[in-house]
Amino acid sequence: MNTINTLGFIGFGNMGKAIYNGLDIYNGLTNSTNLRDMQIHIYDPLSDSSTLGGEVEIAEKCKYILLGVKPQSVEEVLEKISPVLTKDSVIISICAGISIEYVYSVLSRGTGTAADIAVVQVMPNTPMMLGLGASAIAFSENCSGQEQEFVRLVINSCGISEIIPADKMNEIICINGSSPAFIYLFAKCFTDYAAEQGIDEKSALNLFSQTLTGAAKMLTDSGKSADELIKQVSSKGGTTVAGLEQLRAGGFTEAVKSACEACTNRAYELGNSRNIK
C-alpha cells in the first residue's frame, strides 16, 4: 500500500464528487506538498468514474479511505476491506450517523490491527456541492498530526471545517448538517410573504439570499456578537423591533431549541439502532 498521499473513494455520490471536484480546483491554487502529489482512486459500482475494481482494491492501494456509501452499507463495506487494512490505514467516514465507535466495532471482528487504524468522522453539509461546505470533524486518538492535517486539507478543499470532540458529533448535526433545511424553511416563509404582497418571488429571493450571505459575514467578520448585531439593526420603536417582538411572542427561540434537540435525539436513536455505544 502506498502510505504517502493516496486517497480512495468508496462510494462516489454527491458529497464524494463535491470533495473530488474541490480537490481538483484546490490543487491548482495551493503549494501544499500534502496535496500536490496526491493520488486518487475511486470505486462506485454505479459510477463510470471508477478507477479500481472494488472496495478491497481501494483499501489495498490507498492510505486514506473515504467512505461515501449509504449508512446501511457501511457494515458490509468495512467487513470486506477489514482483512487488508494495516496500522497505516485511515478510515474517513462522511456517512450520516456512523460514529468512530461503530467503525471500530465492525473492524474489530475481522482484523487484529483494528485498534491501530485511525478513524475520522466527518459531518458535512450539502453546500459542500458549491464549495461552501461547513464540516464538523472528529479524529480518533491515534490519528497523527500529519494525518489530521491531510484530512482537513481534503475536506477544506470545498469549504471549511472545525474539529469537534467525538462525543459531540450527534449534538453538532443540527448546527451544520440539518440547519440548511431549517434556513431554507425560514427563507420560504419570507418569500411566501413577499408573494402574498404582490412582490416578484425571484426578486424577493435574491434580496433575502444576499441578506443571509451578508448577515453571515457580519457574524464571522464584524467582531460583534449576535446580540450586538441584533441591537445594531433594531431602532427603538422601529419595524425590526416590532418583528422581533412577534417572533419571540410566537415562541421562535423555543422552537429552534426544540428542533435542535429533536435532531440530536434522533441521531442517538439511529446510533442505538446500529448497536453503537
C-alpha atoms as a PDB file:
ATOM      1  CA  MET A   1       0.000   0.000   0.000  1.00  0.00           C
ATOM      2  CA  ASN A   2       1.212   3.489  -0.853  1.00  0.00           C
ATOM      3  CA  THR A   3       1.393   5.183   2.542  1.00  0.00           C
ATOM      4  CA  ILE A   4       2.162   8.728   1.418  1.00  0.00           C
ATOM      5  CA  ASN A   5      -0.716  10.654  -0.164  1.00  0.00           C
ATOM      6  CA  THR A   6      -3.174   8.143  -1.593  1.00  0.00           C
ATOM      7  CA  LEU A   7      -6.885   8.830  -1.224  1.00  0.00           C
ATOM      8  CA  GLY A   8      -9.527   6.312  -2.186  1.00  0.00           C
ATOM      9  CA  PHE A   9     -13.250   6.976  -2.534  1.00  0.00           C
ATOM     10  CA  ILE A  10     -15.594   4.083  -1.779  1.00  0.00           C
ATOM     11  CA  GLY A  11     -18.900   5.446  -2.961  1.00  0.00           C
ATOM     12  CA  PHE A  12     -18.992   8.447  -5.275  1.00  0.00           C
ATOM     13  CA  GLY A  13     -22.257  10.256  -4.634  1.00  0.00           C
ATOM     14  CA  ASN A  14     -22.908  13.976  -4.385  1.00  0.00           C
ATOM     15  CA  MET A  15     -20.642  14.545  -1.381  1.00  0.00           C
ATOM     16  CA  GLY A  16     -17.827  12.413  -2.770  1.00  0.00           C
ATOM     17  CA  LYS A  17     -17.986  14.248  -6.094  1.00  0.00           C
ATOM     18  CA  ALA A  18     -18.012  17.597  -4.275  1.00  0.00           C
ATOM     19  CA  ILE A  19     -14.810  16.683  -2.435  1.00  0.00           C
ATOM     20  CA  TYR A  20     -13.190  15.355  -5.606  1.00  0.00           C
ATOM     21  CA  ASN A  21     -14.079  18.491  -7.569  1.00  0.00           C
ATOM     22  CA  GLY A  22     -12.912  20.670  -4.697  1.00  0.00           C
ATOM     23  CA  LEU A  23      -9.555  18.911  -4.674  1.00  0.00           C
ATOM     24  CA  ASP A  24      -9.236  19.364  -8.423  1.00  0.00           C
ATOM     25  CA  ILE A  25      -9.705  23.128  -8.047  1.00  0.00           C
ATOM     26  CA  TYR A  26      -7.751  23.403  -4.799  1.00  0.00           C
ATOM     27  CA  ASN A  27      -4.728  21.617  -6.221  1.00  0.00           C
ATOM     28  CA  GLY A  28      -4.376  24.372  -8.784  1.00  0.00           C
ATOM     29  CA  LEU A  29      -4.307  27.014  -6.062  1.00  0.00           C
ATOM     30  CA  THR A  30      -2.101  25.528  -3.349  1.00  0.00           C
ATOM     31  CA  ASN A  31       1.563  24.772  -2.934  1.00  0.00           C
ATOM     32  CA  SER A  32       0.842  22.256  -0.167  1.00  0.00           C
ATOM     33  CA  THR A  33       3.143  19.272  -0.557  1.00  0.00           C
ATOM     34  CA  ASN A  34       0.472  17.235   1.238  1.00  0.00           C
ATOM     35  CA  LEU A  35      -1.880  17.583  -1.729  1.00  0.00           C
ATOM     36  CA  ARG A  36       0.347  18.323  -4.696  1.00  0.00           C
ATOM     37  CA  ASP A  37       1.467  14.726  -5.252  1.00  0.00           C
ATOM     38  CA  MET A  38      -1.738  13.072  -4.130  1.00  0.00           C
ATOM     39  CA  GLN A  39      -3.008  10.009  -5.961  1.00  0.00           C
ATOM     40  CA  ILE A  40      -6.781   9.479  -6.077  1.00  0.00           C
ATOM     41  CA  HIS A  41      -8.688   6.272  -6.747  1.00  0.00           C
ATOM     42  CA  ILE A  42     -12.454   5.780  -6.977  1.00  0.00           C
ATOM     43  CA  TYR A  43     -14.773   2.806  -6.687  1.00  0.00           C
ATOM     44  CA  ASP A  44     -18.533   3.007  -7.017  1.00  0.00           C
ATOM     45  CA  PRO A  45     -20.432   0.220  -8.788  1.00  0.00           C
ATOM     46  CA  LEU A  46     -22.941   2.779 -10.065  1.00  0.00           C
ATOM     47  CA  SER A  47     -20.387   5.282 -11.368  1.00  0.00           C
ATOM     48  CA  ASP A  48     -18.454   5.449 -14.619  1.00  0.00           C
ATOM     49  CA  SER A  49     -15.750   7.328 -12.718  1.00  0.00           C
ATOM     50  CA  SER A  50     -14.392   4.201 -11.012  1.00  0.00           C
ATOM     51  CA  THR A  51     -10.650   3.724 -11.436  1.00  0.00           C
ATOM     52  CA  LEU A  52     -10.397   0.458  -9.495  1.00  0.00           C
ATOM     53  CA  GLY A  53     -12.474  -2.690  -9.493  1.00  0.00           C
ATOM     54  CA  GLY A  54     -13.667  -2.910  -5.912  1.00  0.00           C
ATOM     55  CA  GLU A  55     -13.585  -1.840  -2.300  1.00  0.00           C
ATOM     56  CA  VAL A  56     -10.732  -4.208  -1.437  1.00  0.00           C
ATOM     57  CA  GLU A  57      -8.516  -2.736  -4.164  1.00  0.00           C
ATOM     58  CA  ILE A  58      -9.145   0.736  -2.775  1.00  0.00           C
ATOM     59  CA  ALA A  59      -8.154  -0.397   0.712  1.00  0.00           C
ATOM     60  CA  GLU A  60      -5.035  -2.144  -0.594  1.00  0.00           C
ATOM     61  CA  LYS A  61      -3.765   0.797  -2.621  1.00  0.00           C
ATOM     62  CA  CYS A  62      -4.825   3.784  -0.508  1.00  0.00           C
ATOM     63  CA  LYS A  63      -3.760   5.033   2.901  1.00  0.00           C
ATOM     64  CA  TYR A  64      -6.808   7.297   3.244  1.00  0.00           C
ATOM     65  CA  ILE A  65     -10.120   5.539   2.559  1.00  0.00           C
ATOM     66  CA  LEU A  66     -13.129   7.835   2.291  1.00  0.00           C
ATOM     67  CA  LEU A  67     -16.445   6.078   2.876  1.00  0.00           C
ATOM     68  CA  GLY A  68     -19.233   7.813   0.998  1.00  0.00           C
ATOM     69  CA  VAL A  69     -21.750   4.962   0.821  1.00  0.00           C
ATOM     70  CA  LYS A  70     -25.242   4.798   2.286  1.00  0.00           C
ATOM     71  CA  PRO A  71     -25.151   4.266   6.069  1.00  0.00           C
ATOM     72  CA  GLN A  72     -26.839   0.878   5.776  1.00  0.00           C
ATOM     73  CA  SER A  73     -23.983  -0.309   3.513  1.00  0.00           C
ATOM     74  CA  VAL A  74     -21.126   0.708   5.823  1.00  0.00           C
ATOM     75  CA  GLU A  75     -21.021  -2.530   7.796  1.00  0.00           C
ATOM     76  CA  GLU A  76     -20.745  -4.648   4.639  1.00  0.00           C
ATOM     77  CA  VAL A  77     -18.006  -2.431   3.186  1.00  0.00           C
ATOM     78  CA  LEU A  78     -15.968  -2.429   6.404  1.00  0.00           C
ATOM     79  CA  GLU A  79     -16.203  -6.210   6.651  1.00  0.00           C
ATOM     80  CA  LYS A  80     -14.936  -6.519   3.066  1.00  0.00           C
ATOM     81  CA  ILE A  81     -11.915  -4.253   3.492  1.00  0.00           C
ATOM     82  CA  SER A  82     -11.013  -5.185   7.057  1.00  0.00           C
ATOM     83  CA  PRO A  83      -8.636  -8.065   6.150  1.00  0.00           C
ATOM     84  CA  VAL A  84      -6.381  -5.827   4.010  1.00  0.00           C
ATOM     85  CA  LEU A  85      -6.217  -2.795   6.308  1.00  0.00           C
ATOM     86  CA  THR A  86      -2.962  -2.062   8.114  1.00  0.00           C
ATOM     87  CA  LYS A  87      -1.893   0.131  11.012  1.00  0.00           C
ATOM     88  CA  ASP A  88      -1.157   2.867   8.443  1.00  0.00           C
ATOM     89  CA  SER A  89      -4.735   2.940   7.123  1.00  0.00           C
ATOM     90  CA  VAL A  90      -7.009   5.905   7.837  1.00  0.00           C
ATOM     91  CA  ILE A  91     -10.770   5.464   7.506  1.00  0.00           C
ATOM     92  CA  ILE A  92     -12.697   8.687   6.793  1.00  0.00           C
ATOM     93  CA  SER A  93     -16.463   8.361   7.120  1.00  0.00           C
ATOM     94  CA  ILE A  94     -18.766  11.003   5.667  1.00  0.00           C
ATOM     95  CA  CYS A  95     -21.758   8.690   6.205  1.00  0.00           C
ATOM     96  CA  ALA A  96     -24.573  10.088   8.332  1.00  0.00           C
ATOM     97  CA  GLY A  97     -24.751   8.627  11.823  1.00  0.00           C
ATOM     98  CA  ILE A  98     -21.653   6.446  11.506  1.00  0.00           C
ATOM     99  CA  SER A  99     -19.545   7.073  14.582  1.00  0.00           C
ATOM    100  CA  ILE A 100     -15.904   6.288  15.228  1.00  0.00           C
ATOM    101  CA  GLU A 101     -17.014   3.719  17.803  1.00  0.00           C
ATOM    102  CA  TYR A 102     -19.197   1.971  15.249  1.00  0.00           C
ATOM    103  CA  VAL A 103     -16.367   1.724  12.731  1.00  0.00           C
ATOM    104  CA  TYR A 104     -14.106   0.173  15.352  1.00  0.00           C
ATOM    105  CA  SER A 105     -16.827  -2.241  16.463  1.00  0.00           C
ATOM    106  CA  VAL A 106     -17.092  -3.618  12.925  1.00  0.00           C
ATOM    107  CA  LEU A 107     -13.370  -3.635  12.161  1.00  0.00           C
ATOM    108  CA  SER A 108     -12.573  -5.479  15.389  1.00  0.00           C
ATOM    109  CA  ARG A 109     -14.452  -8.522  14.083  1.00  0.00           C
ATOM    110  CA  GLY A 110     -12.022  -9.078  11.248  1.00  0.00           C
ATOM    111  CA  THR A 111      -8.561  -7.676  11.906  1.00  0.00           C
ATOM    112  CA  GLY A 112      -6.114  -7.778  14.757  1.00  0.00           C
ATOM    113  CA  THR A 113      -4.848  -4.313  13.800  1.00  0.00           C
ATOM    114  CA  ALA A 114      -8.263  -2.652  14.242  1.00  0.00           C
ATOM    115  CA  ALA A 115      -7.187  -0.661  17.290  1.00  0.00           C
ATOM    116  CA  ASP A 116      -4.195   0.778  15.380  1.00  0.00           C
ATOM    117  CA  ILE A 117      -6.247   2.037  12.439  1.00  0.00           C
ATOM    118  CA  ALA A 118      -7.026   5.764  12.563  1.00  0.00           C
ATOM    119  CA  VAL A 119     -10.687   6.664  12.083  1.00  0.00           C
ATOM    120  CA  VAL A 120     -12.158  10.042  11.191  1.00  0.00           C
ATOM    121  CA  GLN A 121     -15.828  11.003  11.365  1.00  0.00           C
ATOM    122  CA  VAL A 122     -16.951  13.890   9.172  1.00  0.00           C
ATOM    123  CA  MET A 123     -20.341  15.575   9.324  1.00  0.00           C
ATOM    124  CA  PRO A 124     -20.520  17.545   6.049  1.00  0.00           C
ATOM    125  CA  ASN A 125     -23.425  19.548   4.683  1.00  0.00           C
ATOM    126  CA  THR A 126     -24.937  19.992   1.239  1.00  0.00           C
ATOM    127  CA  PRO A 127     -23.410  23.450   0.485  1.00  0.00           C
ATOM    128  CA  MET A 128     -20.211  21.444   0.032  1.00  0.00           C
ATOM    129  CA  MET A 129     -21.531  20.829  -3.505  1.00  0.00           C
ATOM    130  CA  LEU A 130     -20.937  24.540  -4.210  1.00  0.00           C
ATOM    131  CA  GLY A 131     -17.564  24.625  -2.473  1.00  0.00           C
ATOM    132  CA  LEU A 132     -19.176  26.277   0.558  1.00  0.00           C
ATOM    133  CA  GLY A 133     -19.388  23.334   2.917  1.00  0.00           C
ATOM    134  CA  ALA A 134     -19.160  23.552   6.694  1.00  0.00           C
ATOM    135  CA  SER A 135     -17.942  20.218   8.044  1.00  0.00           C
ATOM    136  CA  ALA A 136     -17.512  19.014  11.617  1.00  0.00           C
ATOM    137  CA  ILE A 137     -14.616  16.577  12.057  1.00  0.00           C
ATOM    138  CA  ALA A 138     -13.760  14.194  14.883  1.00  0.00           C
ATOM    139  CA  PHE A 139     -10.498  12.218  14.988  1.00  0.00           C
ATOM    140  CA  SER A 140      -9.684   9.017  16.831  1.00  0.00           C
ATOM    141  CA  GLU A 141      -6.959   9.434  19.438  1.00  0.00           C
ATOM    142  CA  ASN A 142      -4.402   7.543  17.344  1.00  0.00           C
ATOM    143  CA  CYS A 143      -4.764   9.848  14.327  1.00  0.00           C
ATOM    144  CA  SER A 144      -1.411  11.612  13.941  1.00  0.00           C
ATOM    145  CA  GLY A 145      -0.972  15.331  13.422  1.00  0.00           C
ATOM    146  CA  GLN A 146       0.117  14.772   9.832  1.00  0.00           C
ATOM    147  CA  GLU A 147      -2.916  12.607   9.148  1.00  0.00           C
ATOM    148  CA  GLN A 148      -5.218  15.178  10.692  1.00  0.00           C
ATOM    149  CA  GLU A 149      -3.685  17.911   8.554  1.00  0.00           C
ATOM    150  CA  PHE A 150      -4.151  15.865   5.385  1.00  0.00           C
ATOM    151  CA  VAL A 151      -7.801  15.094   6.168  1.00  0.00           C
ATOM    152  CA  ARG A 152      -8.571  18.735   6.912  1.00  0.00           C
ATOM    153  CA  LEU A 153      -6.924  19.850   3.675  1.00  0.00           C
ATOM    154  CA  VAL A 154      -9.103  17.379   1.776  1.00  0.00           C
ATOM    155  CA  ILE A 155     -12.329  18.463   3.473  1.00  0.00           C
ATOM    156  CA  ASN A 156     -11.434  22.168   3.374  1.00  0.00           C
ATOM    157  CA  SER A 157     -10.981  21.971  -0.402  1.00  0.00           C
ATOM    158  CA  CYS A 158     -14.739  22.500  -0.656  1.00  0.00           C
ATOM    159  CA  GLY A 159     -15.445  24.681   2.357  1.00  0.00           C
ATOM    160  CA  ILE A 160     -14.343  24.976   5.969  1.00  0.00           C
ATOM    161  CA  SER A 161     -14.108  22.544   8.860  1.00  0.00           C
ATOM    162  CA  GLU A 162     -13.993  22.626  12.629  1.00  0.00           C
ATOM    163  CA  ILE A 163     -12.683  19.908  14.937  1.00  0.00           C
ATOM    164  CA  ILE A 164     -15.345  18.659  17.339  1.00  0.00           C
ATOM    165  CA  PRO A 165     -14.978  16.113  20.188  1.00  0.00           C
ATOM    166  CA  ALA A 166     -16.108  12.686  19.023  1.00  0.00           C
ATOM    167  CA  ASP A 167     -18.733  12.515  21.768  1.00  0.00           C
ATOM    168  CA  LYS A 168     -20.384  15.715  20.476  1.00  0.00           C
ATOM    169  CA  MET A 169     -20.863  14.697  16.845  1.00  0.00           C
ATOM    170  CA  ASN A 170     -24.565  13.955  17.379  1.00  0.00           C
ATOM    171  CA  GLU A 171     -25.049  17.352  19.008  1.00  0.00           C
ATOM    172  CA  ILE A 172     -23.362  19.207  16.132  1.00  0.00           C
ATOM    173  CA  ILE A 173     -25.678  17.762  13.470  1.00  0.00           C
ATOM    174  CA  CYS A 174     -28.328  20.441  13.986  1.00  0.00           C
ATOM    175  CA  ILE A 175     -25.700  23.193  13.750  1.00  0.00           C
ATOM    176  CA  ASN A 176     -24.298  22.387  10.320  1.00  0.00           C
ATOM    177  CA  GLY A 177     -25.792  19.159   8.975  1.00  0.00           C
ATOM    178  CA  SER A 178     -29.532  19.746   9.290  1.00  0.00           C
ATOM    179  CA  SER A 179     -29.538  23.533   9.586  1.00  0.00           C
ATOM    180  CA  PRO A 180     -29.543  24.216   5.811  1.00  0.00           C
ATOM    181  CA  ALA A 181     -33.074  22.762   5.690  1.00  0.00           C
ATOM    182  CA  PHE A 182     -34.124  24.994   8.585  1.00  0.00           C
ATOM    183  CA  ILE A 183     -32.664  28.022   6.809  1.00  0.00           C
ATOM    184  CA  TYR A 184     -34.467  27.104   3.573  1.00  0.00           C
ATOM    185  CA  LEU A 185     -37.753  26.898   5.507  1.00  0.00           C
ATOM    186  CA  PHE A 186     -37.009  30.278   7.091  1.00  0.00           C
ATOM    187  CA  ALA A 187     -36.326  31.739   3.625  1.00  0.00           C
ATOM    188  CA  LYS A 188     -39.524  30.232   2.238  1.00  0.00           C
ATOM    189  CA  CYS A 189     -41.572  31.965   4.936  1.00  0.00           C
ATOM    190  CA  PHE A 190     -40.232  35.355   3.806  1.00  0.00           C
ATOM    191  CA  THR A 191     -40.560  34.742   0.069  1.00  0.00           C
ATOM    192  CA  ASP A 192     -44.079  33.369   0.519  1.00  0.00           C
ATOM    193  CA  TYR A 193     -44.983  36.558   2.378  1.00  0.00           C
ATOM    194  CA  ALA A 194     -43.477  38.628  -0.428  1.00  0.00           C
ATOM    195  CA  ALA A 195     -45.574  36.745  -2.985  1.00  0.00           C
ATOM    196  CA  GLU A 196     -48.710  37.356  -0.915  1.00  0.00           C
ATOM    197  CA  GLN A 197     -47.918  41.077  -1.068  1.00  0.00           C
ATOM    198  CA  GLY A 198     -47.569  41.003  -4.846  1.00  0.00           C
ATOM    199  CA  ILE A 199     -43.771  41.217  -4.877  1.00  0.00           C
ATOM    200  CA  ASP A 200     -41.904  39.235  -7.528  1.00  0.00           C
ATOM    201  CA  GLU A 201     -40.781  35.991  -5.862  1.00  0.00           C
ATOM    202  CA  LYS A 202     -37.412  35.868  -7.629  1.00  0.00           C
ATOM    203  CA  SER A 203     -36.609  39.440  -6.631  1.00  0.00           C
ATOM    204  CA  ALA A 204     -37.551  38.697  -3.033  1.00  0.00           C
ATOM    205  CA  LEU A 205     -35.461  35.516  -3.043  1.00  0.00           C
ATOM    206  CA  ASN A 206     -32.413  37.342  -4.409  1.00  0.00           C
ATOM    207  CA  LEU A 207     -32.724  40.086  -1.800  1.00  0.00           C
ATOM    208  CA  PHE A 208     -33.253  37.664   1.079  1.00  0.00           C
ATOM    209  CA  SER A 209     -30.461  35.297  -0.027  1.00  0.00           C
ATOM    210  CA  GLN A 210     -27.978  38.149  -0.293  1.00  0.00           C
ATOM    211  CA  THR A 211     -29.122  39.329   3.126  1.00  0.00           C
ATOM    212  CA  LEU A 212     -28.389  35.855   4.531  1.00  0.00           C
ATOM    213  CA  THR A 213     -24.917  35.943   2.991  1.00  0.00           C
ATOM    214  CA  GLY A 214     -24.218  39.426   4.310  1.00  0.00           C
ATOM    215  CA  ALA A 215     -25.585  38.663   7.763  1.00  0.00           C
ATOM    216  CA  ALA A 216     -23.420  35.542   7.943  1.00  0.00           C
ATOM    217  CA  LYS A 217     -20.321  37.601   7.106  1.00  0.00           C
ATOM    218  CA  MET A 218     -21.284  40.110   9.779  1.00  0.00           C
ATOM    219  CA  LEU A 219     -21.410  37.271  12.310  1.00  0.00           C
ATOM    220  CA  THR A 220     -17.980  35.934  11.322  1.00  0.00           C
ATOM    221  CA  ASP A 221     -16.122  39.115  10.379  1.00  0.00           C
ATOM    222  CA  SER A 222     -17.568  42.108  12.260  1.00  0.00           C
ATOM    223  CA  GLY A 223     -16.184  41.183  15.658  1.00  0.00           C
ATOM    224  CA  LYS A 224     -19.623  41.724  17.178  1.00  0.00           C
ATOM    225  CA  SER A 225     -21.751  39.132  18.966  1.00  0.00           C
ATOM    226  CA  ALA A 226     -25.164  38.067  17.671  1.00  0.00           C
ATOM    227  CA  ASP A 227     -26.834  40.114  20.419  1.00  0.00           C
ATOM    228  CA  GLU A 228     -24.813  43.203  19.454  1.00  0.00           C
ATOM    229  CA  LEU A 229     -25.707  42.796  15.791  1.00  0.00           C
ATOM    230  CA  ILE A 230     -29.401  42.413  16.605  1.00  0.00           C
ATOM    231  CA  LYS A 231     -29.232  45.643  18.586  1.00  0.00           C
ATOM    232  CA  GLN A 232     -27.433  47.359  15.683  1.00  0.00           C
ATOM    233  CA  VAL A 233     -30.411  46.689  13.391  1.00  0.00           C
ATOM    234  CA  SER A 234     -33.097  47.426  15.977  1.00  0.00           C
ATOM    235  CA  SER A 235     -34.067  51.075  16.255  1.00  0.00           C
ATOM    236  CA  LYS A 236     -36.248  51.801  19.265  1.00  0.00           C
ATOM    237  CA  GLY A 237     -39.895  51.676  18.270  1.00  0.00           C
ATOM    238  CA  GLY A 238     -38.972  50.665  14.706  1.00  0.00           C
ATOM    239  CA  THR A 239     -40.015  47.942  12.291  1.00  0.00           C
ATOM    240  CA  THR A 240     -37.334  45.446  13.312  1.00  0.00           C
ATOM    241  CA  VAL A 241     -38.285  45.616  16.977  1.00  0.00           C
ATOM    242  CA  ALA A 242     -41.943  45.075  16.056  1.00  0.00           C
ATOM    243  CA  GLY A 243     -40.994  41.971  14.085  1.00  0.00           C
ATOM    244  CA  LEU A 244     -38.686  40.623  16.781  1.00  0.00           C
ATOM    245  CA  GLU A 245     -41.440  41.012  19.372  1.00  0.00           C
ATOM    246  CA  GLN A 246     -43.735  38.831  17.262  1.00  0.00           C
ATOM    247  CA  LEU A 247     -41.051  36.164  16.740  1.00  0.00           C
ATOM    248  CA  ARG A 248     -40.452  35.981  20.477  1.00  0.00           C
ATOM    249  CA  ALA A 249     -44.167  36.001  21.274  1.00  0.00           C
ATOM    250  CA  GLY A 250     -44.606  33.123  18.814  1.00  0.00           C
ATOM    251  CA  GLY A 251     -42.006  31.028  20.607  1.00  0.00           C
ATOM    252  CA  PHE A 252     -39.362  31.310  17.892  1.00  0.00           C
ATOM    253  CA  THR A 253     -36.329  30.754  20.124  1.00  0.00           C
ATOM    254  CA  GLU A 254     -38.002  27.846  21.926  1.00  0.00           C
ATOM    255  CA  ALA A 255     -38.973  26.267  18.588  1.00  0.00           C
ATOM    256  CA  VAL A 256     -35.379  26.478  17.336  1.00  0.00           C
ATOM    257  CA  LYS A 257     -34.094  24.876  20.534  1.00  0.00           C
ATOM    258  CA  SER A 258     -36.698  22.122  20.233  1.00  0.00           C
ATOM    259  CA  ALA A 259     -35.679  21.483  16.630  1.00  0.00           C
ATOM    260  CA  CYS A 260     -32.024  21.154  17.700  1.00  0.00           C
ATOM    261  CA  GLU A 261     -32.944  18.760  20.497  1.00  0.00           C
ATOM    262  CA  ALA A 262     -35.060  16.674  18.117  1.00  0.00           C
ATOM    263  CA  CYS A 263     -32.129  16.379  15.689  1.00  0.00           C
ATOM    264  CA  THR A 264     -29.788  15.296  18.470  1.00  0.00           C
ATOM    265  CA  ASN A 265     -32.251  12.782  19.919  1.00  0.00           C
ATOM    266  CA  ARG A 266     -32.871  11.247  16.508  1.00  0.00           C
ATOM    267  CA  ALA A 267     -29.142  10.938  15.899  1.00  0.00           C
ATOM    268  CA  TYR A 268     -28.777   8.952  19.123  1.00  0.00           C
ATOM    269  CA  GLU A 269     -31.769   6.777  18.181  1.00  0.00           C
ATOM    270  CA  LEU A 270     -30.213   5.967  14.818  1.00  0.00           C
ATOM    271  CA  GLY A 271     -26.900   5.212  16.506  1.00  0.00           C
ATOM    272  CA  ASN A 272     -28.533   2.899  19.015  1.00  0.00           C
ATOM    273  CA  SER A 273     -30.300   1.066  16.207  1.00  0.00           C
ATOM    274  CA  ARG A 274     -26.845   0.098  14.952  1.00  0.00           C
ATOM    275  CA  ASN A 275     -25.819  -1.042  18.425  1.00  0.00           C
ATOM    276  CA  ILE A 276     -23.398   1.848  18.776  1.00  0.00           C
ATOM    277  CA  LYS A 277     -22.424   2.523  22.363  1.00  0.00           C
END
